[in-house]
C-alpha atoms as a PDB file:
ATOM      1  CA  MET A   1     -91.563  18.906  45.563  1.00  0.00           C
ATOM      2  CA  GLY A   2     -91.969  21.973  43.603  1.00  0.00           C
ATOM      3  CA  ASN A   3     -90.830  22.144  39.877  1.00  0.00           C
ATOM      4  CA  MET A   4     -87.160  21.310  38.728  1.00  0.00           C
ATOM      5  CA  ILE A   5     -87.915  22.215  34.886  1.00  0.00           C
ATOM      6  CA  GLU A   6     -90.134  24.740  33.795  1.00  0.00           C
ATOM      7  CA  LEU A   7     -90.855  26.195  30.231  1.00  0.00           C
ATOM      8  CA  GLN A   8     -92.968  29.010  29.841  1.00  0.00           C
ATOM      9  CA  ASN A   9     -94.083  29.916  26.325  1.00  0.00           C
ATOM     10  CA  VAL A  10     -91.069  29.013  24.752  1.00  0.00           C
ATOM     11  CA  SER A  11     -90.895  29.262  21.173  1.00  0.00           C
ATOM     12  CA  LYS A  12     -87.629  28.450  18.788  1.00  0.00           C
ATOM     13  CA  THR A  13     -87.081  28.725  14.936  1.00  0.00           C
ATOM     14  CA  LEU A  14     -84.409  27.104  12.863  1.00  0.00           C
ATOM     15  CA  ASN A  15     -84.399  27.820   9.363  1.00  0.00           C
ATOM     16  CA  SER A  16     -87.217  30.511   9.310  1.00  0.00           C
ATOM     17  CA  VAL A  17     -89.343  27.691  10.485  1.00  0.00           C
ATOM     18  CA  PHE A  18     -90.828  27.050  14.240  1.00  0.00           C
ATOM     19  CA  ALA A  19     -89.064  24.086  15.702  1.00  0.00           C
ATOM     20  CA  VAL A  20     -90.912  24.584  18.981  1.00  0.00           C
ATOM     21  CA  SER A  21     -93.532  26.930  19.405  1.00  0.00           C
ATOM     22  CA  ASP A  22     -95.319  28.542  22.779  1.00  0.00           C
ATOM     23  CA  VAL A  23     -94.333  25.535  24.715  1.00  0.00           C
ATOM     24  CA  THR A  24     -94.947  25.269  28.246  1.00  0.00           C
ATOM     25  CA  PHE A  25     -94.537  22.886  30.780  1.00  0.00           C
ATOM     26  CA  GLN A  26     -93.206  22.106  34.677  1.00  0.00           C
ATOM     27  CA  VAL A  27     -91.384  18.991  35.696  1.00  0.00           C
ATOM     28  CA  THR A  28     -91.341  18.271  39.244  1.00  0.00           C
ATOM     29  CA  ARG A  29     -88.255  17.353  41.057  1.00  0.00           C
ATOM     30  CA  GLY A  30     -87.409  13.673  40.621  1.00  0.00           C
ATOM     31  CA  GLU A  31     -89.994  12.919  38.006  1.00  0.00           C
ATOM     32  CA  ALA A  32     -89.301  10.922  35.055  1.00  0.00           C
ATOM     33  CA  ILE A  33     -91.554  12.083  32.056  1.00  0.00           C
ATOM     34  CA  SER A  34     -91.308  11.202  28.543  1.00  0.00           C
ATOM     35  CA  LEU A  35     -91.627  13.697  25.787  1.00  0.00           C
ATOM     36  CA  ILE A  36     -93.271  11.762  22.310  1.00  0.00           C
ATOM     37  CA  GLY A  37     -94.255  12.942  19.224  1.00  0.00           C
ATOM     38  CA  PRO A  38     -93.258  11.979  15.385  1.00  0.00           C
ATOM     39  CA  SER A  39     -90.101  13.218  13.680  1.00  0.00           C
ATOM     40  CA  GLY A  40     -90.473  16.713  13.446  1.00  0.00           C
ATOM     41  CA  SER A  41     -92.759  17.662  16.268  1.00  0.00           C
ATOM     42  CA  GLY A  42     -90.079  19.585  18.062  1.00  0.00           C
ATOM     43  CA  LYS A  43     -88.573  17.026  20.707  1.00  0.00           C
ATOM     44  CA  THR A  44     -84.576  17.398  20.454  1.00  0.00           C
ATOM     45  CA  THR A  45     -85.122  21.208  20.000  1.00  0.00           C
ATOM     46  CA  VAL A  46     -87.081  20.831  23.299  1.00  0.00           C
ATOM     47  CA  LEU A  47     -84.231  19.019  25.067  1.00  0.00           C
ATOM     48  CA  ARG A  48     -81.319  21.474  23.629  1.00  0.00           C
ATOM     49  CA  LEU A  49     -83.093  24.385  24.832  1.00  0.00           C
ATOM     50  CA  ILE A  50     -83.170  22.659  28.437  1.00  0.00           C
ATOM     51  CA  ALA A  51     -79.609  22.095  28.079  1.00  0.00           C
ATOM     52  CA  GLY A  52     -78.685  25.180  27.115  1.00  0.00           C
ATOM     53  CA  LEU A  53     -77.538  24.279  23.751  1.00  0.00           C
ATOM     54  CA  GLU A  54     -79.946  26.504  21.720  1.00  0.00           C
ATOM     55  CA  VAL A  55     -81.253  29.970  23.005  1.00  0.00           C
ATOM     56  CA  PRO A  56     -85.273  30.593  22.864  1.00  0.00           C
ATOM     57  CA  ASP A  57     -86.434  33.417  20.441  1.00  0.00           C
ATOM     58  CA  SER A  58     -88.805  34.143  23.029  1.00  0.00           C
ATOM     59  CA  GLY A  59     -90.268  32.360  26.563  1.00  0.00           C
ATOM     60  CA  THR A  60     -88.224  31.657  29.444  1.00  0.00           C
ATOM     61  CA  ILE A  61     -86.771  28.479  31.287  1.00  0.00           C
ATOM     62  CA  PHE A  62     -86.130  27.859  34.679  1.00  0.00           C
ATOM     63  CA  LEU A  63     -84.200  25.005  36.485  1.00  0.00           C
ATOM     64  CA  ASN A  64     -84.415  24.200  39.813  1.00  0.00           C
ATOM     65  CA  GLY A  65     -86.418  27.765  40.266  1.00  0.00           C
ATOM     66  CA  HIS A  66     -83.588  29.726  38.870  1.00  0.00           C
ATOM     67  CA  LEU A  67     -83.844  31.352  35.350  1.00  0.00           C
ATOM     68  CA  ALA A  68     -81.586  29.588  32.730  1.00  0.00           C
ATOM     69  CA  SER A  69     -82.526  31.054  29.462  1.00  0.00           C
ATOM     70  CA  LYS A  70     -84.791  33.921  28.486  1.00  0.00           C
ATOM     71  CA  SER A  71     -85.160  35.688  24.599  1.00  0.00           C
ATOM     72  CA  GLY A  72     -81.675  35.935  23.017  1.00  0.00           C
ATOM     73  CA  TRP A  73     -79.933  34.762  26.390  1.00  0.00           C
ATOM     74  CA  ALA A  74     -78.711  31.529  27.655  1.00  0.00           C
ATOM     75  CA  CYS A  75     -76.922  30.286  30.828  1.00  0.00           C
ATOM     76  CA  PRO A  76     -74.143  28.011  29.681  1.00  0.00           C
ATOM     77  CA  PRO A  77     -74.741  24.382  29.836  1.00  0.00           C
ATOM     78  CA  TYR A  78     -72.069  23.674  31.968  1.00  0.00           C
ATOM     79  CA  GLN A  79     -73.492  25.743  34.858  1.00  0.00           C
ATOM     80  CA  ARG A  80     -77.182  24.162  34.506  1.00  0.00           C
ATOM     81  CA  GLY A  81     -76.376  20.783  36.519  1.00  0.00           C
ATOM     82  CA  VAL A  82     -77.644  19.034  33.621  1.00  0.00           C
ATOM     83  CA  GLY A  83     -76.660  15.446  31.427  1.00  0.00           C
ATOM     84  CA  MET A  84     -77.517  14.623  28.419  1.00  0.00           C
ATOM     85  CA  VAL A  85     -77.222  11.464  26.562  1.00  0.00           C
ATOM     86  CA  PHE A  86     -77.672  11.777  22.699  1.00  0.00           C
ATOM     87  CA  GLN A  87     -78.950   9.624  19.971  1.00  0.00           C
ATOM     88  CA  GLN A  88     -75.101   8.523  18.973  1.00  0.00           C
ATOM     89  CA  PRO A  89     -72.794   7.894  22.127  1.00  0.00           C
ATOM     90  CA  SER A  90     -70.371  10.882  20.912  1.00  0.00           C
ATOM     91  CA  LEU A  91     -67.765   9.610  23.371  1.00  0.00           C
ATOM     92  CA  TRP A  92     -64.154  10.993  22.940  1.00  0.00           C
ATOM     93  CA  PRO A  93     -62.485   8.282  20.362  1.00  0.00           C
ATOM     94  CA  HIS A  94     -59.055   9.025  21.928  1.00  0.00           C
ATOM     95  CA  MET A  95     -60.188   8.297  25.059  1.00  0.00           C
ATOM     96  CA  THR A  96     -61.019   5.242  27.154  1.00  0.00           C
ATOM     97  CA  VAL A  97     -64.230   4.712  29.018  1.00  0.00           C
ATOM     98  CA  ALA A  98     -62.665   5.826  32.196  1.00  0.00           C
ATOM     99  CA  GLN A  99     -60.965   8.681  30.663  1.00  0.00           C
ATOM    100  CA  ASN A 100     -64.585  10.070  28.856  1.00  0.00           C
ATOM    101  CA  VAL A 101     -66.090   9.585  32.546  1.00  0.00           C
ATOM    102  CA  LEU A 102     -63.311  11.276  34.009  1.00  0.00           C
ATOM    103  CA  PHE A 103     -63.236  14.422  31.839  1.00  0.00           C
ATOM    104  CA  GLY A 104     -66.533  15.552  33.039  1.00  0.00           C
ATOM    105  CA  LEU A 105     -65.003  15.156  36.944  1.00  0.00           C
ATOM    106  CA  CYS A 106     -62.049  17.300  36.192  1.00  0.00           C
ATOM    107  CA  ASN A 107     -62.936  19.878  39.029  1.00  0.00           C
ATOM    108  CA  MET A 108     -62.963  16.895  41.652  1.00  0.00           C
ATOM    109  CA  ALA A 109     -59.631  16.021  43.651  1.00  0.00           C
ATOM    110  CA  ARG A 110     -58.281  13.088  41.950  1.00  0.00           C
ATOM    111  CA  PRO A 111     -59.363  10.190  44.881  1.00  0.00           C
ATOM    112  CA  GLU A 112     -63.042  12.028  44.782  1.00  0.00           C
ATOM    113  CA  ALA A 113     -62.813  11.684  41.285  1.00  0.00           C
ATOM    114  CA  GLU A 114     -61.996   8.130  41.146  1.00  0.00           C
ATOM    115  CA  GLN A 115     -64.392   7.056  43.406  1.00  0.00           C
ATOM    116  CA  ARG A 116     -67.234   8.774  41.532  1.00  0.00           C
ATOM    117  CA  LEU A 117     -65.613   6.785  38.623  1.00  0.00           C
ATOM    118  CA  HIS A 118     -65.967   3.210  40.147  1.00  0.00           C
ATOM    119  CA  GLU A 119     -69.350   4.106  41.496  1.00  0.00           C
ATOM    120  CA  THR A 120     -70.792   5.381  37.864  1.00  0.00           C
ATOM    121  CA  LEU A 121     -69.016   2.834  35.917  1.00  0.00           C
ATOM    122  CA  ARG A 122     -70.680   0.254  38.329  1.00  0.00           C
ATOM    123  CA  LEU A 123     -74.065   2.238  38.138  1.00  0.00           C
ATOM    124  CA  THR A 124     -74.251   1.661  34.779  1.00  0.00           C
ATOM    125  CA  ARG A 125     -72.561  -2.005  34.485  1.00  0.00           C
ATOM    126  CA  VAL A 126     -69.409  -0.999  32.781  1.00  0.00           C
ATOM    127  CA  GLU A 127     -66.880  -1.792  35.410  1.00  0.00           C
ATOM    128  CA  GLN A 128     -65.293  -4.104  33.052  1.00  0.00           C
ATOM    129  CA  LEU A 129     -64.884  -1.617  30.088  1.00  0.00           C
ATOM    130  CA  GLY A 130     -63.109   1.318  31.802  1.00  0.00           C
ATOM    131  CA  HIS A 131     -59.578   0.489  29.671  1.00  0.00           C
ATOM    132  CA  ARG A 132     -61.497   0.449  26.225  1.00  0.00           C
ATOM    133  CA  TYR A 133     -61.730   2.589  23.815  1.00  0.00           C
ATOM    134  CA  PRO A 134     -64.945   3.398  22.408  1.00  0.00           C
ATOM    135  CA  HIS A 135     -64.337   1.471  18.714  1.00  0.00           C
ATOM    136  CA  GLU A 136     -63.716  -1.426  21.220  1.00  0.00           C
ATOM    137  CA  LEU A 137     -67.501  -1.374  22.281  1.00  0.00           C
ATOM    138  CA  SER A 138     -70.787  -2.757  21.005  1.00  0.00           C
ATOM    139  CA  GLY A 139     -73.597  -0.157  20.489  1.00  0.00           C
ATOM    140  CA  GLY A 140     -75.211  -1.140  23.787  1.00  0.00           C
ATOM    141  CA  GLU A 141     -71.740  -0.905  25.729  1.00  0.00           C
ATOM    142  CA  ALA A 142     -71.364   2.579  23.980  1.00  0.00           C
ATOM    143  CA  GLN A 143     -74.712   3.701  25.235  1.00  0.00           C
ATOM    144  CA  ARG A 144     -74.104   2.749  28.497  1.00  0.00           C
ATOM    145  CA  ALA A 145     -70.620   4.510  28.829  1.00  0.00           C
ATOM    146  CA  ALA A 146     -72.089   7.628  27.365  1.00  0.00           C
ATOM    147  CA  LEU A 147     -74.663   7.416  30.300  1.00  0.00           C
ATOM    148  CA  ALA A 148     -71.638   7.132  32.726  1.00  0.00           C
ATOM    149  CA  ARG A 149     -70.156  10.018  31.391  1.00  0.00           C
ATOM    150  CA  ALA A 150     -73.445  12.160  32.013  1.00  0.00           C
ATOM    151  CA  LEU A 151     -74.007  10.854  35.533  1.00  0.00           C
ATOM    152  CA  ALA A 152     -71.064  11.121  36.836  1.00  0.00           C
ATOM    153  CA  PRO A 153     -70.836  14.773  37.998  1.00  0.00           C
ATOM    154  CA  ARG A 154     -74.460  14.016  39.631  1.00  0.00           C
ATOM    155  CA  PRO A 155     -76.766  16.253  37.500  1.00  0.00           C
ATOM    156  CA  SER A 156     -79.823  16.996  39.171  1.00  0.00           C
ATOM    157  CA  ILE A 157     -81.405  16.743  35.466  1.00  0.00           C
ATOM    158  CA  LEU A 158     -81.002  14.053  33.132  1.00  0.00           C
ATOM    159  CA  LEU A 159     -81.938  14.413  29.121  1.00  0.00           C
ATOM    160  CA  LEU A 160     -82.187  11.067  27.240  1.00  0.00           C
ATOM    161  CA  ASP A 161     -82.315  11.624  23.510  1.00  0.00           C
ATOM    162  CA  GLU A 162     -83.620   8.766  21.949  1.00  0.00           C
ATOM    163  CA  PRO A 163     -80.806   6.544  23.876  1.00  0.00           C
ATOM    164  CA  MET A 164     -82.251   3.159  22.377  1.00  0.00           C
ATOM    165  CA  ALA A 165     -82.367   4.194  18.984  1.00  0.00           C
ATOM    166  CA  GLY A 166     -80.535   0.988  16.737  1.00  0.00           C
ATOM    167  CA  LEU A 167     -80.621  -1.302  19.931  1.00  0.00           C
ATOM    168  CA  ASP A 168     -82.093  -4.539  19.472  1.00  0.00           C
ATOM    169  CA  LEU A 169     -84.662  -5.922  21.586  1.00  0.00           C
ATOM    170  CA  GLU A 170     -82.884  -7.406  24.323  1.00  0.00           C
ATOM    171  CA  LEU A 171     -80.253  -4.519  24.631  1.00  0.00           C
ATOM    172  CA  ASN A 172     -83.493  -2.234  24.428  1.00  0.00           C
ATOM    173  CA  GLN A 173     -84.893  -3.733  27.871  1.00  0.00           C
ATOM    174  CA  GLN A 174     -81.401  -3.644  29.123  1.00  0.00           C
ATOM    175  CA  MET A 175     -81.553   0.173  28.812  1.00  0.00           C
ATOM    176  CA  ILE A 176     -84.899   0.080  30.467  1.00  0.00           C
ATOM    177  CA  GLU A 177     -84.123  -2.167  33.456  1.00  0.00           C
ATOM    178  CA  LEU A 178     -80.709   0.389  33.656  1.00  0.00           C
ATOM    179  CA  ILE A 179     -82.986   3.536  33.606  1.00  0.00           C
ATOM    180  CA  SER A 180     -85.476   2.269  36.495  1.00  0.00           C
ATOM    181  CA  THR A 181     -82.320   1.655  38.559  1.00  0.00           C
ATOM    182  CA  ILE A 182     -80.932   4.574  37.924  1.00  0.00           C
ATOM    183  CA  ARG A 183     -84.423   6.359  39.086  1.00  0.00           C
ATOM    184  CA  ARG A 184     -83.807   4.435  42.284  1.00  0.00           C
ATOM    185  CA  GLN A 185     -80.696   5.279  43.122  1.00  0.00           C
ATOM    186  CA  THR A 186     -80.428   9.161  42.089  1.00  0.00           C
ATOM    187  CA  VAL A 187     -82.401  11.971  42.702  1.00  0.00           C
ATOM    188  CA  ALA A 188     -82.036  13.123  38.919  1.00  0.00           C
ATOM    189  CA  THR A 189     -85.304  14.352  37.191  1.00  0.00           C
ATOM    190  CA  ILE A 190     -85.458  12.704  33.976  1.00  0.00           C
ATOM    191  CA  ILE A 191     -86.742  13.882  30.302  1.00  0.00           C
ATOM    192  CA  TYR A 192     -86.965  10.747  27.833  1.00  0.00           C
ATOM    193  CA  VAL A 193     -87.377  11.570  24.042  1.00  0.00           C
ATOM    194  CA  THR A 194     -88.109   8.947  21.873  1.00  0.00           C
ATOM    195  CA  HIS A 195     -90.832   8.274  18.885  1.00  0.00           C
ATOM    196  CA  ASN A 196     -91.781   4.826  20.587  1.00  0.00           C
ATOM    197  CA  ALA A 197     -94.883   5.294  22.918  1.00  0.00           C
ATOM    198  CA  THR A 198     -94.288   1.657  24.355  1.00  0.00           C
ATOM    199  CA  GLU A 199     -90.617   1.696  24.862  1.00  0.00           C
ATOM    200  CA  ALA A 200     -91.258   5.251  26.891  1.00  0.00           C
ATOM    201  CA  SER A 201     -94.139   4.383  28.930  1.00  0.00           C
ATOM    202  CA  SER A 202     -91.875   1.054  30.071  1.00  0.00           C
ATOM    203  CA  ALA A 203     -89.026   3.958  31.612  1.00  0.00           C
ATOM    204  CA  THR A 204     -91.196   6.630  32.729  1.00  0.00           C
ATOM    205  CA  ASP A 205     -94.507   7.860  34.439  1.00  0.00           C
ATOM    206  CA  ASN A 206     -95.834  10.473  32.653  1.00  0.00           C
ATOM    207  CA  VAL A 207     -95.581  11.812  29.362  1.00  0.00           C
ATOM    208  CA  ILE A 208     -95.864  15.021  27.344  1.00  0.00           C
ATOM    209  CA  MET A 209     -97.212  14.775  23.301  1.00  0.00           C
ATOM    210  CA  LEU A 210     -95.963  17.304  20.921  1.00  0.00           C
ATOM    211  CA  ARG A 211     -97.024  17.663  17.276  1.00  0.00           C
ATOM    212  CA  GLN A 212     -95.654  20.594  14.940  1.00  0.00           C
ATOM    213  CA  GLY A 213     -93.834  22.236  17.735  1.00  0.00           C
ATOM    214  CA  ARG A 214     -96.479  22.165  20.321  1.00  0.00           C
ATOM    215  CA  VAL A 215     -97.348  20.783  23.390  1.00  0.00           C
ATOM    216  CA  GLU A 216    -100.620  18.634  22.505  1.00  0.00           C
ATOM    217  CA  ARG A 217    -101.157  16.724  25.741  1.00  0.00           C
ATOM    218  CA  ILE A 218     -99.604  16.571  29.092  1.00  0.00           C
ATOM    219  CA  GLY A 219    -100.610  13.766  31.301  1.00  0.00           C
ATOM    220  CA  ASP A 220    -100.087   9.778  32.724  1.00  0.00           C
ATOM    221  CA  TRP A 221     -99.890   7.126  30.578  1.00  0.00           C
ATOM    222  CA  ALA A 222    -103.617   5.892  31.119  1.00  0.00           C
ATOM    223  CA  SER A 223    -104.636   9.163  30.138  1.00  0.00           C
ATOM    224  CA  ALA A 224    -102.208   8.989  26.705  1.00  0.00           C
ATOM    225  CA  ARG A 225    -103.497   5.386  25.421  1.00  0.00           C
ATOM    226  CA  GLY A 226    -105.482   5.608  22.559  1.00  0.00           C
ATOM    227  CA  VAL A 227    -104.508   9.463  21.799  1.00  0.00           C
ATOM    228  CA  TYR A 228    -101.098   8.872  20.562  1.00  0.00           C
ATOM    229  CA  CYS A 229    -100.652   6.590  17.750  1.00  0.00           C
ATOM    230  CA  ASP A 230     -97.156   4.821  18.394  1.00  0.00           C
ATOM    231  CA  PRO A 231     -95.279   4.285  15.248  1.00  0.00           C
ATOM    232  CA  GLY A 232     -92.726   1.941  16.766  1.00  0.00           C
END
């Protein structure tokens, strides 16, 4: 199937400290993989490097076979075909849910954008909330709206940075089911960041374990059990 994401010896310092150091891994097209590790292990920095929000100090990043980042240079985020959902939904507060989603579809013809809007709202189960503003949403609704915004442009890569943080157990399970639905109905390659191995193993097939900015282990969940101590 080929690699959709490939990091080769990538390092990044933040405030004179290595956030990630000599990180190398590949994610195949259509794969859903978790990036786990304790706080400060470099998980979010890796996502930001893939998204183009950070520039590596050394190493290279290839997306869909094309060079996306190298030492001192990064292709702009909007040219990468990447959708990202942060721990906080970060919706535009002055826009409704529908307007937030349409914002990323400004290059589409209006009829196509409207059709894509309705498809994405239905997929993420917020079709009844399109008229609401972010402050009128619950935590779970806001996170699903943020997911809709990320999915609307049909990204080839979807990056999820602890999207269930702060959600209760029931909403957590709903989000896991939603991610499973997205995997079935889209061709996006997914990297799911969390410190919670139980949650991550329900949403993905394989795992990359980070510790102190370095890759400690790569494999399926069966091989990871007993190696990573889940802090919950």
